Amino acid sequence: MPDVSMLNVTVCVSVPCAGVTVGVVVIAGGTMIEKMGMTAYEMTKKYILKRANGELPAVEQDKKLVTFAEKIKPEEEHIPLNLSVLETVNYIRGLSKEPGAYLYLMDKKIKIYKASFFSNETSHAIGEIVQNKKNLLLQLKDGIISLDEVQLEGKKAMPGNAFLNGARLTFPTYLK
């Protein structure tokens, strides 16, 4: 079984198998990919053998209720800076790790994989990187978020504070 010790959010997922819903498993999860992987593992272990042996009745899926998600366009990965702190953190989380949300730093794409609430302070311009020695901070309309994991175009992903230490930014600097 995959290690779930670091996971802290609960999700309930119903997994269809060849058009037949075979069960529901509750998984504590981190990223959506981790949740889906653990759910598939649990579903296979718990239900597929029972179904294959005829021990589990099948329920036909209603084809009228099937929905499909549209493909995410590259321009939809760009973070709108008019969102609230909570909306921005959720936007980043929703696109992480793949395809990843991004902003621009001096005409270079900077992907943001993890972010968290930092404060309600609103004393800087929206999009401004707030000077702080320990965290890479971004001012939004209703507060400041910490950019916890980032990747500058052509570089490896790294913690926000490591990026801040090596970036040699001059202030004020803005993400767009």
N, C-alpha and C. Protein backbone atom coordinates (compact mmCIF):
# COMPACT_ATOMS: atom_id res chain seq x y z
N MET A 1 0.86 -1.19 0.00
CA MET A 1 0.00 0.00 0.00
C MET A 1 0.89 1.24 0.00
N PRO A 2 0.53 2.27 -0.77
CA PRO A 2 1.32 3.51 -0.77
C PRO A 2 1.34 4.16 0.61
N ASP A 3 2.40 4.91 0.89
CA ASP A 3 2.53 5.60 2.16
C ASP A 3 1.55 6.77 2.21
N VAL A 4 0.65 6.79 3.19
CA VAL A 4 -0.32 7.87 3.32
C VAL A 4 -0.09 8.70 4.58
N SER A 5 1.06 8.56 5.19
CA SER A 5 1.33 9.24 6.45
C SER A 5 1.36 10.76 6.31
N MET A 6 1.73 11.30 5.13
CA MET A 6 1.84 12.74 4.96
C MET A 6 0.52 13.37 4.50
N LEU A 7 -0.49 12.57 4.24
CA LEU A 7 -1.70 13.09 3.62
C LEU A 7 -2.71 13.50 4.67
N ASN A 8 -3.47 14.58 4.38
CA ASN A 8 -4.31 15.14 5.42
C ASN A 8 -5.69 15.60 4.97
N VAL A 9 -6.06 15.41 3.71
CA VAL A 9 -7.36 15.84 3.22
C VAL A 9 -8.16 14.59 2.87
N THR A 10 -9.44 14.58 3.19
CA THR A 10 -10.25 13.40 2.90
C THR A 10 -11.06 13.62 1.63
N VAL A 11 -11.10 12.61 0.78
CA VAL A 11 -11.88 12.65 -0.45
C VAL A 11 -12.61 11.33 -0.62
N CYS A 12 -13.80 11.39 -1.17
CA CYS A 12 -14.58 10.19 -1.42
C CYS A 12 -14.76 10.08 -2.92
N VAL A 13 -14.34 8.96 -3.52
CA VAL A 13 -14.34 8.81 -4.96
C VAL A 13 -15.07 7.54 -5.35
N SER A 14 -15.96 7.65 -6.35
CA SER A 14 -16.62 6.49 -6.93
C SER A 14 -15.92 6.19 -8.24
N VAL A 15 -15.41 4.98 -8.40
CA VAL A 15 -14.61 4.64 -9.57
C VAL A 15 -15.38 3.69 -10.48
N PRO A 16 -15.68 4.13 -11.72
CA PRO A 16 -16.36 3.22 -12.64
C PRO A 16 -15.37 2.25 -13.27
N CYS A 17 -15.79 1.02 -13.47
CA CYS A 17 -14.94 0.00 -14.07
C CYS A 17 -15.68 -0.55 -15.28
N ALA A 18 -15.21 -0.26 -16.48
CA ALA A 18 -15.84 -0.70 -17.72
C ALA A 18 -17.32 -0.33 -17.75
N GLY A 19 -17.65 0.90 -17.37
CA GLY A 19 -19.03 1.36 -17.41
C GLY A 19 -19.86 0.95 -16.23
N VAL A 20 -19.27 0.25 -15.27
CA VAL A 20 -20.00 -0.22 -14.10
C VAL A 20 -19.36 0.34 -12.85
N THR A 21 -20.14 1.00 -11.99
CA THR A 21 -19.60 1.51 -10.74
C THR A 21 -19.51 0.35 -9.76
N VAL A 22 -18.30 0.09 -9.25
CA VAL A 22 -18.10 -1.08 -8.41
C VAL A 22 -17.91 -0.76 -6.94
N GLY A 23 -17.81 0.50 -6.58
CA GLY A 23 -17.67 0.79 -5.16
C GLY A 23 -17.13 2.17 -4.89
N VAL A 24 -17.08 2.51 -3.63
CA VAL A 24 -16.60 3.81 -3.19
C VAL A 24 -15.55 3.58 -2.11
N VAL A 25 -14.43 4.29 -2.21
CA VAL A 25 -13.36 4.19 -1.23
C VAL A 25 -13.03 5.59 -0.74
N VAL A 26 -12.86 5.77 0.55
CA VAL A 26 -12.46 7.06 1.09
C VAL A 26 -10.96 7.02 1.32
N ILE A 27 -10.26 7.99 0.74
CA ILE A 27 -8.81 8.06 0.82
C ILE A 27 -8.42 9.42 1.38
N ALA A 28 -7.49 9.43 2.33
CA ALA A 28 -6.90 10.70 2.77
C ALA A 28 -5.84 11.03 1.74
N GLY A 29 -5.84 12.27 1.21
CA GLY A 29 -4.94 12.50 0.11
C GLY A 29 -4.24 13.83 0.10
N GLY A 30 -3.16 13.90 -0.66
CA GLY A 30 -2.40 15.12 -0.90
C GLY A 30 -2.83 15.69 -2.23
N THR A 31 -2.09 15.38 -3.31
CA THR A 31 -2.45 15.88 -4.62
C THR A 31 -3.52 14.97 -5.23
N MET A 32 -4.22 15.47 -6.23
CA MET A 32 -5.27 14.69 -6.88
C MET A 32 -4.69 13.43 -7.51
N ILE A 33 -3.50 13.51 -8.09
CA ILE A 33 -2.87 12.34 -8.69
C ILE A 33 -2.59 11.28 -7.63
N GLU A 34 -2.11 11.68 -6.46
CA GLU A 34 -1.88 10.73 -5.37
C GLU A 34 -3.19 10.08 -4.94
N LYS A 35 -4.25 10.90 -4.83
CA LYS A 35 -5.56 10.38 -4.42
C LYS A 35 -6.08 9.37 -5.43
N MET A 36 -5.96 9.71 -6.71
CA MET A 36 -6.46 8.80 -7.75
C MET A 36 -5.66 7.51 -7.77
N GLY A 37 -4.35 7.60 -7.61
CA GLY A 37 -3.51 6.40 -7.60
C GLY A 37 -3.84 5.49 -6.43
N MET A 38 -4.00 6.08 -5.25
CA MET A 38 -4.34 5.27 -4.08
C MET A 38 -5.74 4.69 -4.19
N THR A 39 -6.66 5.47 -4.77
CA THR A 39 -8.02 4.98 -4.95
C THR A 39 -8.03 3.79 -5.91
N ALA A 40 -7.30 3.90 -7.01
CA ALA A 40 -7.23 2.79 -7.97
C ALA A 40 -6.65 1.55 -7.31
N TYR A 41 -5.62 1.71 -6.52
CA TYR A 41 -5.01 0.60 -5.80
C TYR A 41 -6.02 -0.07 -4.86
N GLU A 42 -6.71 0.76 -4.06
CA GLU A 42 -7.70 0.22 -3.11
C GLU A 42 -8.87 -0.44 -3.82
N MET A 43 -9.35 0.18 -4.91
CA MET A 43 -10.48 -0.37 -5.65
C MET A 43 -10.12 -1.72 -6.26
N THR A 44 -8.94 -1.79 -6.84
CA THR A 44 -8.51 -3.05 -7.44
C THR A 44 -8.43 -4.14 -6.40
N LYS A 45 -7.78 -3.83 -5.29
CA LYS A 45 -7.61 -4.81 -4.22
C LYS A 45 -8.95 -5.27 -3.65
N LYS A 46 -9.87 -4.32 -3.48
CA LYS A 46 -11.12 -4.61 -2.77
C LYS A 46 -12.21 -5.17 -3.67
N TYR A 47 -12.34 -4.68 -4.92
CA TYR A 47 -13.52 -4.99 -5.71
C TYR A 47 -13.29 -5.78 -6.99
N ILE A 48 -12.21 -5.59 -7.68
CA ILE A 48 -12.07 -6.18 -9.01
C ILE A 48 -12.08 -7.71 -8.95
N LEU A 49 -11.39 -8.32 -8.01
CA LEU A 49 -11.41 -9.78 -7.92
C LEU A 49 -12.80 -10.29 -7.58
N LYS A 50 -13.51 -9.59 -6.68
CA LYS A 50 -14.89 -9.98 -6.36
C LYS A 50 -15.76 -9.90 -7.60
N ARG A 51 -15.60 -8.83 -8.38
CA ARG A 51 -16.39 -8.65 -9.60
C ARG A 51 -16.06 -9.74 -10.61
N ALA A 52 -14.79 -10.03 -10.79
CA ALA A 52 -14.36 -11.05 -11.75
C ALA A 52 -14.90 -12.44 -11.37
N ASN A 53 -15.03 -12.71 -10.08
CA ASN A 53 -15.53 -14.00 -9.60
C ASN A 53 -17.05 -14.05 -9.51
N GLY A 54 -17.73 -12.98 -9.93
CA GLY A 54 -19.18 -12.95 -9.91
C GLY A 54 -19.78 -12.73 -8.53
N GLU A 55 -18.97 -12.32 -7.55
CA GLU A 55 -19.45 -12.10 -6.18
C GLU A 55 -20.03 -10.70 -5.97
N LEU A 56 -19.85 -9.82 -6.92
CA LEU A 56 -20.28 -8.43 -6.78
C LEU A 56 -21.22 -8.08 -7.93
N PRO A 57 -22.48 -7.72 -7.63
CA PRO A 57 -23.42 -7.40 -8.70
C PRO A 57 -23.02 -6.10 -9.42
N ALA A 58 -23.25 -6.05 -10.71
CA ALA A 58 -22.94 -4.87 -11.51
C ALA A 58 -24.16 -3.97 -11.61
N VAL A 59 -23.91 -2.66 -11.62
CA VAL A 59 -24.96 -1.67 -11.82
C VAL A 59 -24.58 -0.88 -13.08
N GLU A 60 -25.43 -0.95 -14.08
CA GLU A 60 -25.15 -0.27 -15.34
C GLU A 60 -25.10 1.25 -15.14
N GLN A 61 -24.10 1.90 -15.71
CA GLN A 61 -23.94 3.35 -15.60
C GLN A 61 -24.93 4.02 -16.55
N ASP A 62 -25.60 5.08 -16.08
CA ASP A 62 -26.53 5.84 -16.91
C ASP A 62 -25.73 6.72 -17.86
N LYS A 63 -25.76 6.37 -19.14
CA LYS A 63 -24.95 7.09 -20.14
C LYS A 63 -25.36 8.55 -20.30
N LYS A 64 -26.59 8.92 -19.92
CA LYS A 64 -27.05 10.31 -20.01
C LYS A 64 -26.38 11.19 -18.96
N LEU A 65 -25.86 10.59 -17.89
CA LEU A 65 -25.25 11.35 -16.81
C LEU A 65 -23.74 11.50 -16.95
N VAL A 66 -23.16 10.92 -17.99
CA VAL A 66 -21.72 10.98 -18.22
C VAL A 66 -21.34 12.40 -18.64
N THR A 67 -20.29 12.94 -18.05
CA THR A 67 -19.78 14.26 -18.44
C THR A 67 -18.28 14.16 -18.71
N PHE A 68 -17.80 15.07 -19.53
CA PHE A 68 -16.38 15.10 -19.85
C PHE A 68 -15.84 16.49 -19.55
N ALA A 69 -14.63 16.54 -19.03
CA ALA A 69 -13.97 17.82 -18.77
C ALA A 69 -13.26 18.27 -20.04
N GLU A 70 -13.34 19.55 -20.33
CA GLU A 70 -12.63 20.08 -21.48
C GLU A 70 -11.14 20.16 -21.16
N LYS A 71 -10.32 20.08 -22.19
CA LYS A 71 -8.88 20.19 -22.03
C LYS A 71 -8.53 21.58 -21.51
N ILE A 72 -7.59 21.64 -20.59
CA ILE A 72 -7.12 22.93 -20.07
C ILE A 72 -6.22 23.57 -21.12
N LYS A 73 -6.55 24.80 -21.50
CA LYS A 73 -5.76 25.52 -22.50
C LYS A 73 -4.56 26.18 -21.80
N PRO A 74 -3.45 26.32 -22.52
CA PRO A 74 -2.26 26.95 -21.91
C PRO A 74 -2.53 28.31 -21.29
N GLU A 75 -3.38 29.13 -21.91
CA GLU A 75 -3.67 30.46 -21.34
C GLU A 75 -4.47 30.36 -20.04
N GLU A 76 -5.14 29.24 -19.80
CA GLU A 76 -5.88 29.05 -18.55
C GLU A 76 -4.96 28.68 -17.38
N GLU A 77 -3.72 28.34 -17.68
CA GLU A 77 -2.74 28.03 -16.64
C GLU A 77 -2.18 29.31 -16.01
N HIS A 78 -2.31 30.44 -16.71
CA HIS A 78 -1.83 31.72 -16.18
C HIS A 78 -2.72 32.14 -15.02
N ILE A 79 -2.11 32.52 -13.91
CA ILE A 79 -2.85 32.89 -12.69
C ILE A 79 -3.39 34.31 -12.83
N PRO A 80 -4.72 34.48 -12.76
CA PRO A 80 -5.27 35.84 -12.78
C PRO A 80 -4.97 36.52 -11.44
N LEU A 81 -4.37 37.68 -11.47
CA LEU A 81 -3.99 38.36 -10.23
C LEU A 81 -5.15 39.09 -9.56
N ASN A 82 -6.34 39.03 -10.14
CA ASN A 82 -7.50 39.67 -9.51
C ASN A 82 -8.25 38.72 -8.58
N LEU A 83 -7.74 37.53 -8.37
CA LEU A 83 -8.37 36.56 -7.47
C LEU A 83 -8.03 36.87 -6.02
N SER A 84 -8.83 36.35 -5.11
CA SER A 84 -8.54 36.49 -3.68
C SER A 84 -7.41 35.53 -3.30
N VAL A 85 -6.92 35.66 -2.08
CA VAL A 85 -5.87 34.77 -1.58
C VAL A 85 -6.35 33.31 -1.66
N LEU A 86 -7.53 33.03 -1.14
CA LEU A 86 -8.05 31.67 -1.13
C LEU A 86 -8.24 31.15 -2.56
N GLU A 87 -8.81 31.96 -3.44
CA GLU A 87 -9.02 31.54 -4.82
C GLU A 87 -7.69 31.27 -5.53
N THR A 88 -6.69 32.09 -5.26
CA THR A 88 -5.38 31.92 -5.89
C THR A 88 -4.70 30.64 -5.41
N VAL A 89 -4.71 30.40 -4.11
CA VAL A 89 -4.11 29.17 -3.57
C VAL A 89 -4.82 27.95 -4.17
N ASN A 90 -6.15 27.99 -4.26
CA ASN A 90 -6.90 26.87 -4.84
C ASN A 90 -6.64 26.73 -6.34
N TYR A 91 -6.47 27.83 -7.04
CA TYR A 91 -6.16 27.81 -8.47
C TYR A 91 -4.83 27.10 -8.70
N ILE A 92 -3.84 27.46 -7.89
CA ILE A 92 -2.51 26.84 -7.99
C ILE A 92 -2.60 25.36 -7.65
N ARG A 93 -3.30 25.05 -6.57
CA ARG A 93 -3.44 23.66 -6.15
C ARG A 93 -4.16 22.82 -7.22
N GLY A 94 -5.16 23.42 -7.86
CA GLY A 94 -5.92 22.71 -8.89
C GLY A 94 -5.11 22.38 -10.13
N LEU A 95 -4.10 23.16 -10.42
CA LEU A 95 -3.28 22.93 -11.62
C LEU A 95 -1.94 22.24 -11.31
N SER A 96 -1.68 21.96 -10.06
CA SER A 96 -0.39 21.39 -9.66
C SER A 96 -0.46 19.87 -9.71
N LYS A 97 0.51 19.21 -9.97
CA LYS A 97 1.80 19.45 -10.58
C LYS A 97 1.67 19.61 -12.09
N GLU A 98 0.79 18.92 -12.70
CA GLU A 98 0.60 19.04 -14.14
C GLU A 98 -0.77 19.63 -14.42
N PRO A 99 -0.90 20.59 -15.23
CA PRO A 99 0.11 21.24 -16.07
C PRO A 99 0.90 22.31 -15.33
N GLY A 100 0.40 22.78 -14.17
CA GLY A 100 1.09 23.80 -13.41
C GLY A 100 0.57 25.20 -13.71
N ALA A 101 0.40 26.01 -12.68
CA ALA A 101 -0.03 27.40 -12.84
C ALA A 101 1.23 28.27 -12.95
N TYR A 102 1.10 29.40 -13.63
CA TYR A 102 2.30 30.23 -13.80
C TYR A 102 1.98 31.71 -13.80
N LEU A 103 3.03 32.49 -13.56
CA LEU A 103 3.04 33.94 -13.74
C LEU A 103 4.32 34.25 -14.52
N TYR A 104 4.53 35.52 -14.82
CA TYR A 104 5.76 35.92 -15.50
C TYR A 104 6.61 36.76 -14.57
N LEU A 105 7.90 36.46 -14.53
CA LEU A 105 8.89 37.24 -13.81
C LEU A 105 9.88 37.73 -14.85
N MET A 106 9.85 39.03 -15.12
CA MET A 106 10.75 39.64 -16.12
C MET A 106 10.74 38.83 -17.42
N ASP A 107 9.59 38.61 -17.99
CA ASP A 107 9.37 37.92 -19.27
C ASP A 107 9.73 36.44 -19.27
N LYS A 108 10.00 35.86 -18.10
CA LYS A 108 10.23 34.42 -18.00
C LYS A 108 9.07 33.80 -17.22
N LYS A 109 8.65 32.65 -17.68
CA LYS A 109 7.56 31.95 -17.02
C LYS A 109 8.07 31.35 -15.71
N ILE A 110 7.34 31.57 -14.62
CA ILE A 110 7.66 30.94 -13.35
C ILE A 110 6.44 30.12 -12.94
N LYS A 111 6.62 28.81 -12.95
CA LYS A 111 5.53 27.92 -12.55
C LYS A 111 5.46 27.89 -11.03
N ILE A 112 4.26 27.88 -10.53
CA ILE A 112 4.04 27.85 -9.08
C ILE A 112 3.27 26.58 -8.77
N TYR A 113 3.91 25.68 -8.04
CA TYR A 113 3.32 24.37 -7.75
C TYR A 113 2.62 24.31 -6.39
N LYS A 114 3.13 25.08 -5.43
CA LYS A 114 2.52 25.10 -4.10
C LYS A 114 2.52 26.53 -3.58
N ALA A 115 1.41 26.88 -2.93
CA ALA A 115 1.31 28.21 -2.31
C ALA A 115 0.45 28.08 -1.07
N SER A 116 0.60 29.02 -0.15
CA SER A 116 -0.19 29.00 1.08
C SER A 116 -0.44 30.43 1.56
N PHE A 117 -1.47 30.58 2.36
CA PHE A 117 -1.80 31.88 2.94
C PHE A 117 -0.64 32.32 3.83
N PHE A 118 -0.30 33.63 3.77
CA PHE A 118 0.74 34.16 4.64
C PHE A 118 0.19 35.22 5.59
N SER A 119 -0.52 36.24 5.05
CA SER A 119 -1.09 37.27 5.92
C SER A 119 -2.21 38.02 5.20
N ASN A 120 -2.96 38.83 5.98
CA ASN A 120 -4.02 39.67 5.43
C ASN A 120 -3.52 41.05 5.01
N GLU A 121 -2.24 41.29 5.12
CA GLU A 121 -1.66 42.60 4.82
C GLU A 121 -1.92 42.97 3.36
N THR A 122 -2.24 44.25 3.13
CA THR A 122 -2.49 44.73 1.76
C THR A 122 -1.76 46.04 1.48
N SER A 123 -0.53 46.16 1.96
CA SER A 123 0.20 47.42 1.84
C SER A 123 1.07 47.53 0.59
N HIS A 124 1.11 46.50 -0.24
CA HIS A 124 1.93 46.51 -1.46
C HIS A 124 1.03 46.47 -2.68
N ALA A 125 1.60 46.70 -3.83
CA ALA A 125 0.84 46.63 -5.09
C ALA A 125 0.53 45.18 -5.44
N ILE A 126 -0.62 44.95 -6.05
CA ILE A 126 -0.99 43.59 -6.47
C ILE A 126 0.05 43.08 -7.46
N GLY A 127 0.54 41.87 -7.22
CA GLY A 127 1.56 41.25 -8.07
C GLY A 127 2.98 41.51 -7.61
N GLU A 128 3.15 42.35 -6.60
CA GLU A 128 4.49 42.68 -6.11
C GLU A 128 5.04 41.55 -5.24
N ILE A 129 6.31 41.22 -5.46
CA ILE A 129 6.99 40.27 -4.57
C ILE A 129 7.38 41.06 -3.33
N VAL A 130 6.91 40.59 -2.19
CA VAL A 130 7.11 41.30 -0.92
C VAL A 130 8.45 40.86 -0.33
N GLN A 131 9.27 41.84 0.04
CA GLN A 131 10.58 41.53 0.62
C GLN A 131 10.42 40.77 1.93
N ASN A 132 11.10 39.63 2.01
CA ASN A 132 11.09 38.79 3.20
C ASN A 132 12.28 37.85 3.06
N LYS A 133 13.03 37.68 4.13
CA LYS A 133 14.24 36.86 4.03
C LYS A 133 13.97 35.36 4.05
N LYS A 134 12.82 34.95 4.58
CA LYS A 134 12.55 33.52 4.75
C LYS A 134 11.55 32.94 3.75
N ASN A 135 10.71 33.78 3.13
CA ASN A 135 9.66 33.28 2.25
C ASN A 135 9.58 34.10 0.98
N LEU A 136 9.20 33.45 -0.13
CA LEU A 136 8.91 34.12 -1.37
C LEU A 136 7.43 34.50 -1.31
N LEU A 137 7.14 35.79 -1.17
CA LEU A 137 5.78 36.26 -0.91
C LEU A 137 5.25 37.07 -2.08
N LEU A 138 3.94 36.93 -2.33
CA LEU A 138 3.27 37.64 -3.41
C LEU A 138 2.05 38.37 -2.87
N GLN A 139 1.97 39.68 -3.16
CA GLN A 139 0.83 40.49 -2.74
C GLN A 139 -0.34 40.26 -3.68
N LEU A 140 -1.51 40.00 -3.10
CA LEU A 140 -2.76 39.90 -3.85
C LEU A 140 -3.70 40.96 -3.33
N LYS A 141 -4.91 41.04 -3.87
CA LYS A 141 -5.82 42.14 -3.51
C LYS A 141 -6.26 42.12 -2.06
N ASP A 142 -6.31 40.94 -1.44
CA ASP A 142 -6.80 40.85 -0.06
C ASP A 142 -5.82 40.20 0.90
N GLY A 143 -4.56 40.12 0.51
CA GLY A 143 -3.57 39.53 1.41
C GLY A 143 -2.33 39.07 0.66
N ILE A 144 -1.49 38.35 1.37
CA ILE A 144 -0.21 37.89 0.84
C ILE A 144 -0.17 36.37 0.90
N ILE A 145 0.34 35.76 -0.18
CA ILE A 145 0.55 34.31 -0.17
C ILE A 145 2.04 34.03 -0.22
N SER A 146 2.39 32.87 0.31
CA SER A 146 3.76 32.37 0.23
C SER A 146 3.82 31.42 -0.96
N LEU A 147 4.77 31.64 -1.85
CA LEU A 147 4.98 30.74 -2.99
C LEU A 147 5.96 29.68 -2.51
N ASP A 148 5.42 28.53 -2.14
CA ASP A 148 6.20 27.51 -1.43
C ASP A 148 7.05 26.62 -2.34
N GLU A 149 6.61 26.43 -3.60
CA GLU A 149 7.40 25.65 -4.55
C GLU A 149 7.22 26.27 -5.92
N VAL A 150 8.35 26.62 -6.56
CA VAL A 150 8.32 27.30 -7.84
C VAL A 150 9.35 26.70 -8.79
N GLN A 151 9.19 27.02 -10.08
CA GLN A 151 10.16 26.59 -11.09
C GLN A 151 10.27 27.67 -12.16
N LEU A 152 11.41 28.29 -12.22
CA LEU A 152 11.66 29.29 -13.26
C LEU A 152 11.93 28.56 -14.56
N GLU A 153 11.45 29.12 -15.64
CA GLU A 153 11.63 28.55 -16.97
C GLU A 153 13.07 28.09 -17.19
N GLY A 154 13.24 26.82 -17.57
CA GLY A 154 14.57 26.27 -17.84
C GLY A 154 15.32 25.80 -16.61
N LYS A 155 14.74 25.91 -15.43
CA LYS A 155 15.40 25.50 -14.18
C LYS A 155 14.62 24.38 -13.52
N LYS A 156 15.18 23.84 -12.45
CA LYS A 156 14.50 22.79 -11.68
C LYS A 156 13.54 23.42 -10.68
N ALA A 157 12.50 22.65 -10.32
CA ALA A 157 11.58 23.10 -9.28
C ALA A 157 12.33 23.16 -7.95
N MET A 158 11.96 24.16 -7.12
CA MET A 158 12.65 24.32 -5.84
C MET A 158 11.72 25.03 -4.85
N PRO A 159 12.04 24.93 -3.57
CA PRO A 159 11.26 25.68 -2.58
C PRO A 159 11.37 27.18 -2.86
N GLY A 160 10.31 27.91 -2.55
CA GLY A 160 10.29 29.35 -2.78
C GLY A 160 11.43 30.09 -2.12
N ASN A 161 11.78 29.70 -0.89
CA ASN A 161 12.86 30.40 -0.20
C ASN A 161 14.22 30.14 -0.86
N ALA A 162 14.42 28.95 -1.44
CA ALA A 162 15.67 28.66 -2.16
C ALA A 162 15.74 29.51 -3.43
N PHE A 163 14.61 29.66 -4.10
CA PHE A 163 14.56 30.53 -5.28
C PHE A 163 14.91 31.96 -4.90
N LEU A 164 14.32 32.42 -3.82
CA LEU A 164 14.54 33.79 -3.34
C LEU A 164 16.02 34.01 -3.02
N ASN A 165 16.67 33.03 -2.42
CA ASN A 165 18.08 33.15 -2.06
C ASN A 165 19.00 33.27 -3.27
N GLY A 166 18.63 32.63 -4.38
CA GLY A 166 19.51 32.64 -5.55
C GLY A 166 19.08 33.58 -6.66
N ALA A 167 17.94 34.20 -6.54
CA ALA A 167 17.37 34.97 -7.66
C ALA A 167 17.98 36.36 -7.85
N ARG A 168 18.56 36.95 -6.83
CA ARG A 168 19.13 38.31 -6.92
C ARG A 168 18.11 39.30 -7.44
N LEU A 169 16.97 39.36 -6.80
CA LEU A 169 15.91 40.27 -7.20
C LEU A 169 16.18 41.68 -6.69
N THR A 170 15.78 42.66 -7.47
CA THR A 170 15.80 44.04 -7.01
C THR A 170 14.35 44.41 -6.70
N PHE A 171 14.16 45.21 -5.69
CA PHE A 171 12.80 45.53 -5.26
C PHE A 171 12.47 46.97 -5.59
N PRO A 172 11.27 47.27 -6.02
CA PRO A 172 10.16 46.35 -6.13
C PRO A 172 10.25 45.49 -7.41
N THR A 173 9.83 44.23 -7.31
CA THR A 173 9.75 43.30 -8.43
C THR A 173 8.32 42.79 -8.49
N TYR A 174 7.83 42.65 -9.71
CA TYR A 174 6.42 42.25 -9.89
C TYR A 174 6.31 40.98 -10.70
N LEU A 175 5.35 40.15 -10.33
CA LEU A 175 4.95 39.01 -11.15
C LEU A 175 3.72 39.44 -11.94
N LYS A 176 3.67 39.04 -13.18
CA LYS A 176 2.54 39.43 -14.04
C LYS A 176 1.88 38.20 -14.61
